[in-house]
Amino acid sequence: MLLAQETVFGWILTGCAEASSPAKNIVSFYNEVNLDKQLTAFWELEDIPRKRILNDDDTYCEELFKATTTRNVDGKYVVSLPFKKEFPKAVCLGPSLKSACSQFYRNEVRLAKKPVLETEYNRILTEYETLGHMSKVNNVSANATDCYFLPHHAVLKEESTITKVQVVFNASCPTANGVCLNDVLLPGPILQADITIPILRWRL
């Protein structure tokens, strides 16, 4: 006998049908398009949220950004790190110098095997120092917990046409107590546009 089955695509009929020739397996497909449902789904998809809904952490992060962000005499913006409310009383960082040095020495060994990469990497770090993005730190205790040593390493992107060598800073590297810098910072609200907006712009 024929079997009728309702699927997400509509009803399908399967089974054997009698004919003058030997019986053959037949698969039939029927789909009824409900125009009202299709239009409703279309408008729901294209509807753009009117207002962003922020949770408590995102609201706190935005207020912190507004209260601490300044502009210096050179016209550059000075932005503070968005630490969580629990930091440093409930959640604190442990010593991080040892793990950062381990990463540094591994990176140096890797760069020594690739002189071209090493030269370019050193050039980038020298540029950071020239621009004032980093400066030398003296007399820091290996057990210091009021600071965080940010490990970094080189990444080579052959397909890049602008900068083939990039410096990657790893704020997820844990300190001696297992807490990393990312753990004590707020991620903040999503700043990218909702996916529906680029889709609408592309269609337009």
N, C-alpha and C. Protein backbone atom coordinates (compact mmCIF):
# COMPACT_ATOMS: atom_id res chain seq x y z
N MET A 1 0.83 -1.19 0.00
CA MET A 1 0.00 0.00 0.00
C MET A 1 0.87 1.25 0.00
N LEU A 2 0.27 2.34 -0.44
CA LEU A 2 0.99 3.60 -0.44
C LEU A 2 1.09 4.14 0.99
N LEU A 3 2.20 4.80 1.26
CA LEU A 3 2.43 5.37 2.58
C LEU A 3 2.56 6.89 2.43
N ALA A 4 1.72 7.62 3.18
CA ALA A 4 1.77 9.09 3.18
C ALA A 4 2.53 9.55 4.42
N GLN A 5 3.46 10.44 4.22
CA GLN A 5 4.27 10.94 5.34
C GLN A 5 4.41 12.45 5.22
N GLU A 6 4.15 13.15 6.35
CA GLU A 6 4.29 14.61 6.36
C GLU A 6 5.70 14.97 6.79
N THR A 7 6.41 15.74 5.96
CA THR A 7 7.77 16.17 6.25
C THR A 7 7.82 17.69 6.31
N VAL A 8 9.01 18.23 6.62
CA VAL A 8 9.15 19.68 6.67
C VAL A 8 8.97 20.31 5.30
N PHE A 9 9.07 19.50 4.25
CA PHE A 9 8.90 20.00 2.89
C PHE A 9 7.46 19.84 2.38
N GLY A 10 6.64 19.15 3.14
CA GLY A 10 5.27 18.86 2.69
C GLY A 10 5.00 17.36 2.79
N TRP A 11 3.88 16.91 2.19
CA TRP A 11 3.53 15.48 2.21
C TRP A 11 4.25 14.74 1.10
N ILE A 12 4.71 13.50 1.41
CA ILE A 12 5.30 12.65 0.39
C ILE A 12 4.57 11.30 0.42
N LEU A 13 4.43 10.70 -0.76
CA LEU A 13 3.80 9.39 -0.90
C LEU A 13 4.83 8.40 -1.40
N THR A 14 4.93 7.27 -0.73
CA THR A 14 5.88 6.23 -1.15
C THR A 14 5.17 4.88 -1.14
N GLY A 15 5.66 3.95 -1.97
CA GLY A 15 5.08 2.62 -1.99
C GLY A 15 4.92 2.11 -3.40
N CYS A 16 4.21 0.97 -3.53
CA CYS A 16 4.02 0.34 -4.83
C CYS A 16 2.66 0.72 -5.41
N ALA A 17 2.63 0.91 -6.71
CA ALA A 17 1.37 1.21 -7.42
C ALA A 17 1.17 0.15 -8.48
N GLU A 18 -0.13 -0.32 -8.63
CA GLU A 18 -0.42 -1.35 -9.62
C GLU A 18 -0.37 -0.76 -11.02
N ALA A 19 0.14 -1.53 -11.93
CA ALA A 19 0.22 -1.11 -13.34
C ALA A 19 0.21 -2.36 -14.20
N SER A 20 0.02 -2.16 -15.51
CA SER A 20 0.01 -3.30 -16.42
C SER A 20 1.38 -3.97 -16.46
N SER A 21 2.39 -3.14 -16.33
CA SER A 21 3.75 -3.70 -16.29
C SER A 21 4.06 -4.11 -14.85
N PRO A 22 5.15 -4.83 -14.63
CA PRO A 22 5.50 -5.23 -13.26
C PRO A 22 5.56 -4.01 -12.32
N ALA A 23 5.19 -4.24 -11.07
CA ALA A 23 5.11 -3.14 -10.10
C ALA A 23 6.46 -2.45 -9.96
N LYS A 24 6.40 -1.12 -9.83
CA LYS A 24 7.61 -0.32 -9.66
C LYS A 24 7.47 0.55 -8.41
N ASN A 25 8.61 0.84 -7.77
CA ASN A 25 8.60 1.76 -6.63
C ASN A 25 8.44 3.19 -7.13
N ILE A 26 7.51 3.92 -6.54
CA ILE A 26 7.23 5.29 -6.95
C ILE A 26 7.38 6.21 -5.74
N VAL A 27 8.07 7.31 -5.93
CA VAL A 27 8.18 8.35 -4.90
C VAL A 27 7.51 9.60 -5.42
N SER A 28 6.55 10.12 -4.66
CA SER A 28 5.83 11.31 -5.08
C SER A 28 6.02 12.41 -4.05
N PHE A 29 6.09 13.67 -4.49
CA PHE A 29 6.28 14.80 -3.58
C PHE A 29 5.21 15.84 -3.86
N TYR A 30 4.60 16.34 -2.77
CA TYR A 30 3.60 17.39 -2.90
C TYR A 30 3.86 18.44 -1.83
N ASN A 31 3.91 19.68 -2.22
CA ASN A 31 4.17 20.76 -1.26
C ASN A 31 3.17 21.88 -1.50
N GLU A 32 2.42 22.20 -0.47
CA GLU A 32 1.45 23.28 -0.57
C GLU A 32 2.03 24.52 0.11
N VAL A 33 2.22 25.57 -0.66
CA VAL A 33 2.81 26.79 -0.14
C VAL A 33 1.73 27.67 0.45
N ASN A 34 1.86 27.93 1.74
CA ASN A 34 0.92 28.82 2.42
C ASN A 34 1.50 30.23 2.34
N LEU A 35 0.89 31.06 1.47
CA LEU A 35 1.43 32.39 1.22
C LEU A 35 1.45 33.25 2.47
N ASP A 36 0.42 33.14 3.30
CA ASP A 36 0.37 33.94 4.53
C ASP A 36 1.54 33.61 5.45
N LYS A 37 1.81 32.30 5.62
CA LYS A 37 2.91 31.88 6.49
C LYS A 37 4.25 32.35 5.93
N GLN A 38 4.40 32.24 4.61
CA GLN A 38 5.65 32.64 3.99
C GLN A 38 5.91 34.13 4.18
N LEU A 39 4.89 34.96 3.99
CA LEU A 39 5.04 36.39 4.14
C LEU A 39 5.33 36.77 5.60
N THR A 40 4.63 36.07 6.52
CA THR A 40 4.86 36.34 7.95
C THR A 40 6.29 36.03 8.34
N ALA A 41 6.79 34.88 7.88
CA ALA A 41 8.16 34.49 8.18
C ALA A 41 9.16 35.48 7.57
N PHE A 42 8.84 35.97 6.36
CA PHE A 42 9.73 36.92 5.69
C PHE A 42 9.85 38.22 6.49
N TRP A 43 8.70 38.75 6.92
CA TRP A 43 8.74 40.02 7.66
C TRP A 43 9.38 39.85 9.03
N GLU A 44 9.19 38.69 9.66
CA GLU A 44 9.83 38.44 10.96
C GLU A 44 11.35 38.39 10.80
N LEU A 45 11.80 37.81 9.69
CA LEU A 45 13.23 37.71 9.43
C LEU A 45 13.83 39.08 9.17
N GLU A 46 13.11 39.92 8.43
CA GLU A 46 13.64 41.22 8.04
C GLU A 46 13.47 42.28 9.11
N ASP A 47 12.71 42.00 10.16
CA ASP A 47 12.47 42.99 11.20
C ASP A 47 13.74 43.22 12.02
N ILE A 48 14.13 44.48 12.17
CA ILE A 48 15.35 44.84 12.89
C ILE A 48 14.99 45.26 14.31
N PRO A 49 15.70 44.75 15.31
CA PRO A 49 15.42 45.15 16.69
C PRO A 49 15.54 46.66 16.85
N ARG A 50 14.59 47.25 17.52
CA ARG A 50 14.57 48.70 17.69
C ARG A 50 15.56 49.19 18.76
N LYS A 51 15.80 48.37 19.78
CA LYS A 51 16.62 48.81 20.90
C LYS A 51 17.50 47.68 21.40
N ARG A 52 18.75 48.02 21.72
CA ARG A 52 19.66 47.03 22.28
C ARG A 52 19.31 46.77 23.74
N ILE A 53 19.34 45.50 24.12
CA ILE A 53 19.09 45.13 25.51
C ILE A 53 20.42 44.73 26.14
N LEU A 54 20.84 45.50 27.14
CA LEU A 54 22.13 45.24 27.79
C LEU A 54 21.90 44.60 29.16
N ASN A 55 22.75 43.64 29.49
CA ASN A 55 22.68 43.08 30.84
C ASN A 55 23.43 43.99 31.81
N ASP A 56 23.47 43.62 33.08
CA ASP A 56 24.08 44.47 34.11
C ASP A 56 25.58 44.68 33.87
N ASP A 57 26.26 43.61 33.46
CA ASP A 57 27.71 43.71 33.22
C ASP A 57 28.01 44.63 32.04
N ASP A 58 27.21 44.52 30.98
CA ASP A 58 27.43 45.37 29.81
C ASP A 58 27.15 46.83 30.13
N THR A 59 26.11 47.08 30.92
CA THR A 59 25.79 48.45 31.32
C THR A 59 26.90 49.04 32.17
N TYR A 60 27.41 48.23 33.12
CA TYR A 60 28.51 48.68 33.99
C TYR A 60 29.75 48.97 33.15
N CYS A 61 30.02 48.12 32.16
CA CYS A 61 31.19 48.29 31.30
C CYS A 61 31.10 49.59 30.50
N GLU A 62 29.93 49.88 29.96
CA GLU A 62 29.75 51.11 29.19
C GLU A 62 29.91 52.34 30.07
N GLU A 63 29.34 52.30 31.27
CA GLU A 63 29.46 53.44 32.19
C GLU A 63 30.92 53.63 32.61
N LEU A 64 31.63 52.53 32.80
CA LEU A 64 33.04 52.59 33.16
C LEU A 64 33.85 53.21 32.03
N PHE A 65 33.51 52.84 30.80
CA PHE A 65 34.20 53.38 29.63
C PHE A 65 33.99 54.90 29.53
N LYS A 66 32.75 55.35 29.73
CA LYS A 66 32.45 56.78 29.65
C LYS A 66 33.16 57.57 30.75
N ALA A 67 33.27 56.96 31.94
CA ALA A 67 33.83 57.68 33.09
C ALA A 67 35.35 57.73 33.06
N THR A 68 36.01 56.75 32.42
CA THR A 68 37.47 56.67 32.50
C THR A 68 38.19 57.02 31.20
N THR A 69 37.50 57.09 30.09
CA THR A 69 38.15 57.38 28.81
C THR A 69 38.42 58.88 28.67
N THR A 70 39.67 59.22 28.39
CA THR A 70 40.06 60.62 28.23
C THR A 70 40.87 60.78 26.94
N ARG A 71 41.20 62.04 26.63
CA ARG A 71 42.02 62.33 25.45
C ARG A 71 43.17 63.22 25.89
N ASN A 72 44.39 62.81 25.56
CA ASN A 72 45.56 63.56 26.01
C ASN A 72 45.86 64.73 25.07
N VAL A 73 46.95 65.44 25.36
CA VAL A 73 47.29 66.65 24.60
C VAL A 73 47.68 66.33 23.15
N ASP A 74 48.10 65.08 22.91
CA ASP A 74 48.46 64.68 21.54
C ASP A 74 47.25 64.27 20.71
N GLY A 75 46.07 64.27 21.34
CA GLY A 75 44.87 63.89 20.62
C GLY A 75 44.58 62.41 20.67
N LYS A 76 45.41 61.64 21.41
CA LYS A 76 45.20 60.20 21.51
C LYS A 76 44.25 59.89 22.65
N TYR A 77 43.45 58.86 22.45
CA TYR A 77 42.51 58.44 23.50
C TYR A 77 43.21 57.54 24.52
N VAL A 78 42.94 57.78 25.78
CA VAL A 78 43.49 56.98 26.87
C VAL A 78 42.33 56.17 27.46
N VAL A 79 42.40 54.85 27.27
CA VAL A 79 41.29 53.96 27.68
C VAL A 79 41.76 53.04 28.79
N SER A 80 41.00 52.98 29.86
CA SER A 80 41.33 52.10 30.99
C SER A 80 40.81 50.69 30.74
N LEU A 81 41.47 49.72 31.35
CA LEU A 81 41.00 48.34 31.24
C LEU A 81 39.69 48.18 32.01
N PRO A 82 38.69 47.51 31.43
CA PRO A 82 37.39 47.35 32.11
C PRO A 82 37.40 46.19 33.10
N PHE A 83 37.95 46.41 34.28
CA PHE A 83 38.01 45.36 35.28
C PHE A 83 36.63 45.05 35.85
N LYS A 84 36.41 43.80 36.20
CA LYS A 84 35.14 43.38 36.80
C LYS A 84 34.99 43.98 38.20
N LYS A 85 33.75 44.02 38.67
CA LYS A 85 33.47 44.56 40.00
C LYS A 85 34.17 43.75 41.08
N GLU A 86 34.31 42.44 40.86
CA GLU A 86 34.90 41.55 41.87
C GLU A 86 36.42 41.68 42.01
N PHE A 87 37.05 42.35 41.04
CA PHE A 87 38.51 42.49 41.05
C PHE A 87 38.91 43.72 41.85
N PRO A 88 39.92 43.64 42.74
CA PRO A 88 40.77 42.48 43.03
C PRO A 88 40.41 41.75 44.32
N LYS A 89 39.29 42.11 44.96
CA LYS A 89 38.95 41.53 46.26
C LYS A 89 38.55 40.06 46.14
N ALA A 90 37.53 39.78 45.31
CA ALA A 90 37.04 38.40 45.18
C ALA A 90 37.85 37.60 44.16
N VAL A 91 38.28 38.26 43.09
CA VAL A 91 39.07 37.60 42.04
C VAL A 91 40.35 38.40 41.84
N CYS A 92 41.50 37.74 41.99
CA CYS A 92 42.77 38.45 41.86
C CYS A 92 43.74 37.66 40.99
N LEU A 93 44.73 38.37 40.47
CA LEU A 93 45.75 37.75 39.63
C LEU A 93 46.89 37.24 40.50
N GLY A 94 47.51 36.16 40.05
CA GLY A 94 48.70 35.64 40.72
C GLY A 94 49.94 36.12 40.00
N PRO A 95 51.14 35.71 40.44
CA PRO A 95 52.38 36.07 39.75
C PRO A 95 52.36 35.56 38.31
N SER A 96 52.81 36.40 37.39
CA SER A 96 52.75 36.03 35.96
C SER A 96 54.08 36.13 35.24
N LEU A 97 55.13 36.59 35.93
CA LEU A 97 56.42 36.79 35.27
C LEU A 97 57.01 35.48 34.76
N LYS A 98 56.93 34.42 35.57
CA LYS A 98 57.54 33.15 35.20
C LYS A 98 56.93 32.58 33.92
N SER A 99 55.60 32.57 33.83
CA SER A 99 54.94 32.01 32.63
C SER A 99 55.21 32.88 31.41
N ALA A 100 55.27 34.20 31.59
CA ALA A 100 55.56 35.10 30.47
C ALA A 100 56.98 34.88 29.96
N CYS A 101 57.93 34.68 30.88
CA CYS A 101 59.31 34.43 30.47
C CYS A 101 59.45 33.10 29.74
N SER A 102 58.71 32.09 30.19
CA SER A 102 58.74 30.79 29.51
C SER A 102 58.27 30.92 28.07
N GLN A 103 57.19 31.67 27.87
CA GLN A 103 56.67 31.92 26.52
C GLN A 103 57.69 32.71 25.70
N PHE A 104 58.34 33.67 26.34
CA PHE A 104 59.33 34.50 25.66
C PHE A 104 60.51 33.66 25.16
N TYR A 105 61.03 32.77 26.01
CA TYR A 105 62.18 31.95 25.61
C TYR A 105 61.80 30.94 24.53
N ARG A 106 60.58 30.40 24.60
CA ARG A 106 60.13 29.49 23.53
C ARG A 106 60.03 30.24 22.21
N ASN A 107 59.57 31.47 22.28
CA ASN A 107 59.45 32.29 21.07
C ASN A 107 60.82 32.62 20.50
N GLU A 108 61.80 32.90 21.38
CA GLU A 108 63.15 33.21 20.92
C GLU A 108 63.80 32.02 20.23
N VAL A 109 63.61 30.82 20.77
CA VAL A 109 64.16 29.61 20.16
C VAL A 109 63.56 29.40 18.77
N ARG A 110 62.26 29.63 18.66
CA ARG A 110 61.57 29.47 17.37
C ARG A 110 62.06 30.50 16.36
N LEU A 111 62.24 31.74 16.81
CA LEU A 111 62.69 32.79 15.90
C LEU A 111 64.13 32.58 15.45
N ALA A 112 64.96 32.00 16.31
CA ALA A 112 66.37 31.78 15.97
C ALA A 112 66.52 30.83 14.78
N LYS A 113 65.52 29.98 14.58
CA LYS A 113 65.56 29.04 13.46
C LYS A 113 65.11 29.69 12.15
N LYS A 114 64.50 30.89 12.25
CA LYS A 114 64.00 31.59 11.06
C LYS A 114 64.50 33.04 11.11
N PRO A 115 65.70 33.30 10.62
CA PRO A 115 66.31 34.65 10.71
C PRO A 115 65.44 35.76 10.10
N VAL A 116 64.78 35.48 8.99
CA VAL A 116 63.95 36.51 8.34
C VAL A 116 62.78 36.89 9.25
N LEU A 117 62.15 35.89 9.83
CA LEU A 117 61.04 36.12 10.74
C LEU A 117 61.51 36.87 11.98
N GLU A 118 62.69 36.50 12.49
CA GLU A 118 63.25 37.13 13.68
C GLU A 118 63.52 38.62 13.43
N THR A 119 64.08 38.93 12.27
CA THR A 119 64.39 40.33 11.93
C THR A 119 63.11 41.17 11.86
N GLU A 120 62.09 40.63 11.22
CA GLU A 120 60.83 41.36 11.08
C GLU A 120 60.14 41.53 12.42
N TYR A 121 60.22 40.50 13.25
CA TYR A 121 59.57 40.55 14.56
C TYR A 121 60.26 41.59 15.45
N ASN A 122 61.56 41.61 15.43
CA ASN A 122 62.31 42.60 16.20
C ASN A 122 62.03 44.02 15.70
N ARG A 123 61.84 44.16 14.40
CA ARG A 123 61.53 45.48 13.83
C ARG A 123 60.20 45.99 14.36
N ILE A 124 59.21 45.09 14.44
CA ILE A 124 57.89 45.47 14.92
C ILE A 124 57.95 45.90 16.39
N LEU A 125 58.68 45.13 17.20
CA LEU A 125 58.79 45.47 18.62
C LEU A 125 59.54 46.78 18.82
N THR A 126 60.55 47.03 18.01
CA THR A 126 61.28 48.31 18.08
C THR A 126 60.34 49.46 17.71
N GLU A 127 59.49 49.22 16.74
CA GLU A 127 58.51 50.25 16.34
C GLU A 127 57.54 50.54 17.48
N TYR A 128 57.12 49.49 18.20
CA TYR A 128 56.24 49.69 19.37
C TYR A 128 56.92 50.61 20.40
N GLU A 129 58.21 50.37 20.61
CA GLU A 129 58.94 51.16 21.59
C GLU A 129 59.09 52.61 21.12
N THR A 130 59.35 52.79 19.83
CA THR A 130 59.52 54.13 19.26
C THR A 130 58.22 54.92 19.35
N LEU A 131 57.09 54.25 19.11
CA LEU A 131 55.79 54.92 19.15
C LEU A 131 55.27 55.12 20.57
N GLY A 132 55.98 54.56 21.55
CA GLY A 132 55.55 54.70 22.93
C GLY A 132 54.49 53.71 23.36
N HIS A 133 54.28 52.65 22.55
CA HIS A 133 53.32 51.63 22.91
C HIS A 133 53.84 50.69 23.99
N MET A 134 55.16 50.65 24.16
CA MET A 134 55.74 49.86 25.23
C MET A 134 57.02 50.54 25.70
N SER A 135 57.41 50.27 26.93
CA SER A 135 58.63 50.84 27.50
C SER A 135 59.25 49.83 28.47
N LYS A 136 60.51 50.02 28.75
CA LYS A 136 61.24 49.08 29.61
C LYS A 136 60.79 49.22 31.07
N VAL A 137 60.63 48.07 31.73
CA VAL A 137 60.24 48.05 33.14
C VAL A 137 61.40 47.49 33.94
N ASN A 138 61.78 48.20 35.01
CA ASN A 138 62.92 47.78 35.83
C ASN A 138 62.46 47.42 37.25
N ASN A 139 63.23 46.57 37.90
CA ASN A 139 63.04 46.24 39.32
C ASN A 139 61.62 45.76 39.64
N VAL A 140 61.19 44.72 38.94
CA VAL A 140 59.88 44.13 39.20
C VAL A 140 60.08 42.77 39.84
N SER A 141 59.37 42.53 40.92
CA SER A 141 59.49 41.26 41.63
C SER A 141 58.84 40.13 40.84
N ALA A 142 59.46 38.96 40.89
CA ALA A 142 58.90 37.80 40.19
C ALA A 142 57.58 37.35 40.80
N ASN A 143 57.33 37.72 42.05
CA ASN A 143 56.10 37.32 42.74
C ASN A 143 55.06 38.44 42.77
N ALA A 144 55.27 39.48 41.98
CA ALA A 144 54.34 40.61 41.97
C ALA A 144 52.96 40.17 41.47
N THR A 145 51.91 40.62 42.16
CA THR A 145 50.53 40.28 41.78
C THR A 145 49.72 41.52 41.41
N ASP A 146 50.33 42.70 41.53
CA ASP A 146 49.61 43.93 41.18
C ASP A 146 49.85 44.33 39.73
N CYS A 147 50.40 43.42 38.95
CA CYS A 147 50.64 43.67 37.52
C CYS A 147 50.47 42.35 36.76
N TYR A 148 50.44 42.44 35.44
CA TYR A 148 50.29 41.24 34.60
C TYR A 148 51.27 41.33 33.44
N PHE A 149 52.13 40.33 33.33
CA PHE A 149 53.07 40.26 32.22
C PHE A 149 52.39 39.55 31.05
N LEU A 150 52.23 40.28 29.96
CA LEU A 150 51.46 39.80 28.81
C LEU A 150 52.36 39.03 27.85
N PRO A 151 52.23 37.71 27.77
CA PRO A 151 53.06 36.93 26.84
C PRO A 151 52.72 37.27 25.39
N HIS A 152 53.71 37.15 24.53
CA HIS A 152 53.48 37.43 23.11
C HIS A 152 54.31 36.49 22.27
N HIS A 153 53.87 36.28 21.03
CA HIS A 153 54.62 35.44 20.10
C HIS A 153 54.34 35.90 18.68
N ALA A 154 55.12 35.40 17.76
CA ALA A 154 55.01 35.80 16.35
C ALA A 154 54.11 34.84 15.59
N VAL A 155 53.31 35.41 14.69
CA VAL A 155 52.48 34.62 13.79
C VAL A 155 52.78 35.07 12.36
N LEU A 156 53.08 34.12 11.51
CA LEU A 156 53.42 34.41 10.12
C LEU A 156 52.22 34.10 9.24
N LYS A 157 51.76 35.11 8.49
CA LYS A 157 50.65 34.94 7.56
C LYS A 157 51.16 35.21 6.15
N GLU A 158 51.46 34.12 5.45
CA GLU A 158 52.03 34.24 4.11
C GLU A 158 51.06 34.87 3.13
N GLU A 159 49.73 34.64 3.34
CA GLU A 159 48.74 35.14 2.38
C GLU A 159 48.47 36.63 2.53
N SER A 160 48.94 37.24 3.63
CA SER A 160 48.70 38.65 3.86
C SER A 160 49.53 39.51 2.92
N THR A 161 48.90 40.54 2.34
CA THR A 161 49.62 41.42 1.41
C THR A 161 50.18 42.65 2.11
N ILE A 162 49.73 42.91 3.35
CA ILE A 162 50.16 44.11 4.08
C ILE A 162 51.22 43.76 5.12
N THR A 163 50.82 43.01 6.14
CA THR A 163 51.74 42.62 7.21
C THR A 163 51.79 41.11 7.33
N LYS A 164 52.90 40.52 6.91
CA LYS A 164 53.01 39.06 6.95
C LYS A 164 53.30 38.56 8.37
N VAL A 165 54.01 39.36 9.15
CA VAL A 165 54.34 38.99 10.53
C VAL A 165 53.49 39.82 11.49
N GLN A 166 52.84 39.16 12.40
CA GLN A 166 52.02 39.84 13.39
C GLN A 166 52.42 39.41 14.80
N VAL A 167 52.29 40.34 15.73
CA VAL A 167 52.56 40.05 17.14
C VAL A 167 51.22 39.73 17.81
N VAL A 168 51.14 38.56 18.41
CA VAL A 168 49.92 38.13 19.08
C VAL A 168 50.15 38.16 20.59
N PHE A 169 49.33 38.93 21.30
CA PHE A 169 49.41 39.01 22.76
C PHE A 169 48.40 38.06 23.37
N ASN A 170 48.86 37.23 24.29
CA ASN A 170 48.02 36.17 24.85
C ASN A 170 47.56 36.53 26.27
N ALA A 171 46.41 37.20 26.37
CA ALA A 171 45.85 37.58 27.67
C ALA A 171 45.12 36.41 28.33
N SER A 172 45.09 35.25 27.68
CA SER A 172 44.46 34.05 28.25
C SER A 172 45.47 33.17 28.98
N CYS A 173 46.73 33.59 28.98
CA CYS A 173 47.77 32.80 29.66
C CYS A 173 47.55 32.91 31.18
N PRO A 174 47.35 31.79 31.88
CA PRO A 174 47.06 31.84 33.31
C PRO A 174 48.28 32.22 34.15
N THR A 175 48.01 32.89 35.26
CA THR A 175 49.06 33.22 36.22
C THR A 175 49.27 32.03 37.15
N ALA A 176 50.06 32.21 38.21
CA ALA A 176 50.38 31.10 39.12
C ALA A 176 49.15 30.55 39.84
N ASN A 177 48.11 31.38 40.03
CA ASN A 177 46.90 30.90 40.69
C ASN A 177 45.81 30.46 39.72
N GLY A 178 46.17 30.38 38.43
CA GLY A 178 45.23 29.90 37.42
C GLY A 178 44.32 30.96 36.82
N VAL A 179 44.41 32.21 37.29
CA VAL A 179 43.57 33.30 36.78
C VAL A 179 44.37 34.10 35.76
N CYS A 180 43.78 34.39 34.61
CA CYS A 180 44.46 35.17 33.59
C CYS A 180 43.84 36.57 33.51
N LEU A 181 44.42 37.42 32.72
CA LEU A 181 43.94 38.80 32.59
C LEU A 181 42.51 38.83 32.04
N ASN A 182 42.22 37.98 31.07
CA ASN A 182 40.87 37.94 30.49
C ASN A 182 39.81 37.59 31.52
N ASP A 183 40.20 36.82 32.55
CA ASP A 183 39.24 36.40 33.57
C ASP A 183 38.77 37.56 34.44
N VAL A 184 39.56 38.60 34.55
CA VAL A 184 39.20 39.72 35.43
C VAL A 184 38.72 40.93 34.65
N LEU A 185 38.57 40.78 33.34
CA LEU A 185 38.10 41.89 32.50
C LEU A 185 36.70 41.61 31.98
N LEU A 186 35.93 42.67 31.81
CA LEU A 186 34.59 42.55 31.23
C LEU A 186 34.71 42.53 29.70
N PRO A 187 33.99 41.62 29.03
CA PRO A 187 34.05 41.61 27.56
C PRO A 187 33.34 42.80 26.94
N GLY A 188 32.34 43.35 27.68
CA GLY A 188 31.59 44.48 27.14
C GLY A 188 30.51 44.04 26.17
N PRO A 189 29.63 44.96 25.79
CA PRO A 189 28.54 44.62 24.86
C PRO A 189 29.06 44.35 23.46
N ILE A 190 28.27 43.64 22.67
CA ILE A 190 28.64 43.36 21.28
C ILE A 190 28.51 44.64 20.47
N LEU A 191 29.59 45.05 19.82
CA LEU A 191 29.61 46.30 19.07
C LEU A 191 29.31 46.10 17.59
N GLN A 192 29.43 44.87 17.10
CA GLN A 192 29.17 44.62 15.69
C GLN A 192 27.67 44.73 15.40
N ALA A 193 27.36 45.10 14.18
CA ALA A 193 25.96 45.21 13.77
C ALA A 193 25.32 43.83 13.74
N ASP A 194 24.01 43.79 14.02
CA ASP A 194 23.28 42.54 13.95
C ASP A 194 23.35 42.00 12.52
N ILE A 195 23.38 40.68 12.38
CA ILE A 195 23.58 40.05 11.07
C ILE A 195 22.52 40.45 10.06
N THR A 196 21.31 40.78 10.55
CA THR A 196 20.24 41.15 9.61
C THR A 196 20.56 42.45 8.87
N ILE A 197 21.30 43.36 9.52
CA ILE A 197 21.62 44.63 8.88
C ILE A 197 22.56 44.45 7.69
N PRO A 198 23.68 43.70 7.81
CA PRO A 198 24.50 43.46 6.62
C PRO A 198 23.76 42.70 5.52
N ILE A 199 22.86 41.77 5.93
CA ILE A 199 22.09 41.03 4.92
C ILE A 199 21.18 41.97 4.14
N LEU A 200 20.48 42.85 4.84
CA LEU A 200 19.60 43.81 4.18
C LEU A 200 20.39 44.75 3.28
N ARG A 201 21.55 45.20 3.78
CA ARG A 201 22.38 46.11 2.99
C ARG A 201 22.87 45.42 1.71
N TRP A 202 23.22 44.13 1.85
CA TRP A 202 23.70 43.37 0.69
C TRP A 202 22.57 43.20 -0.33
N ARG A 203 21.36 42.90 0.17
CA ARG A 203 20.23 42.73 -0.75
C ARG A 203 19.87 44.03 -1.46
N LEU A 204 19.95 45.13 -0.70
CA LEU A 204 19.64 46.42 -1.29
C LEU A 204 20.64 46.78 -2.39
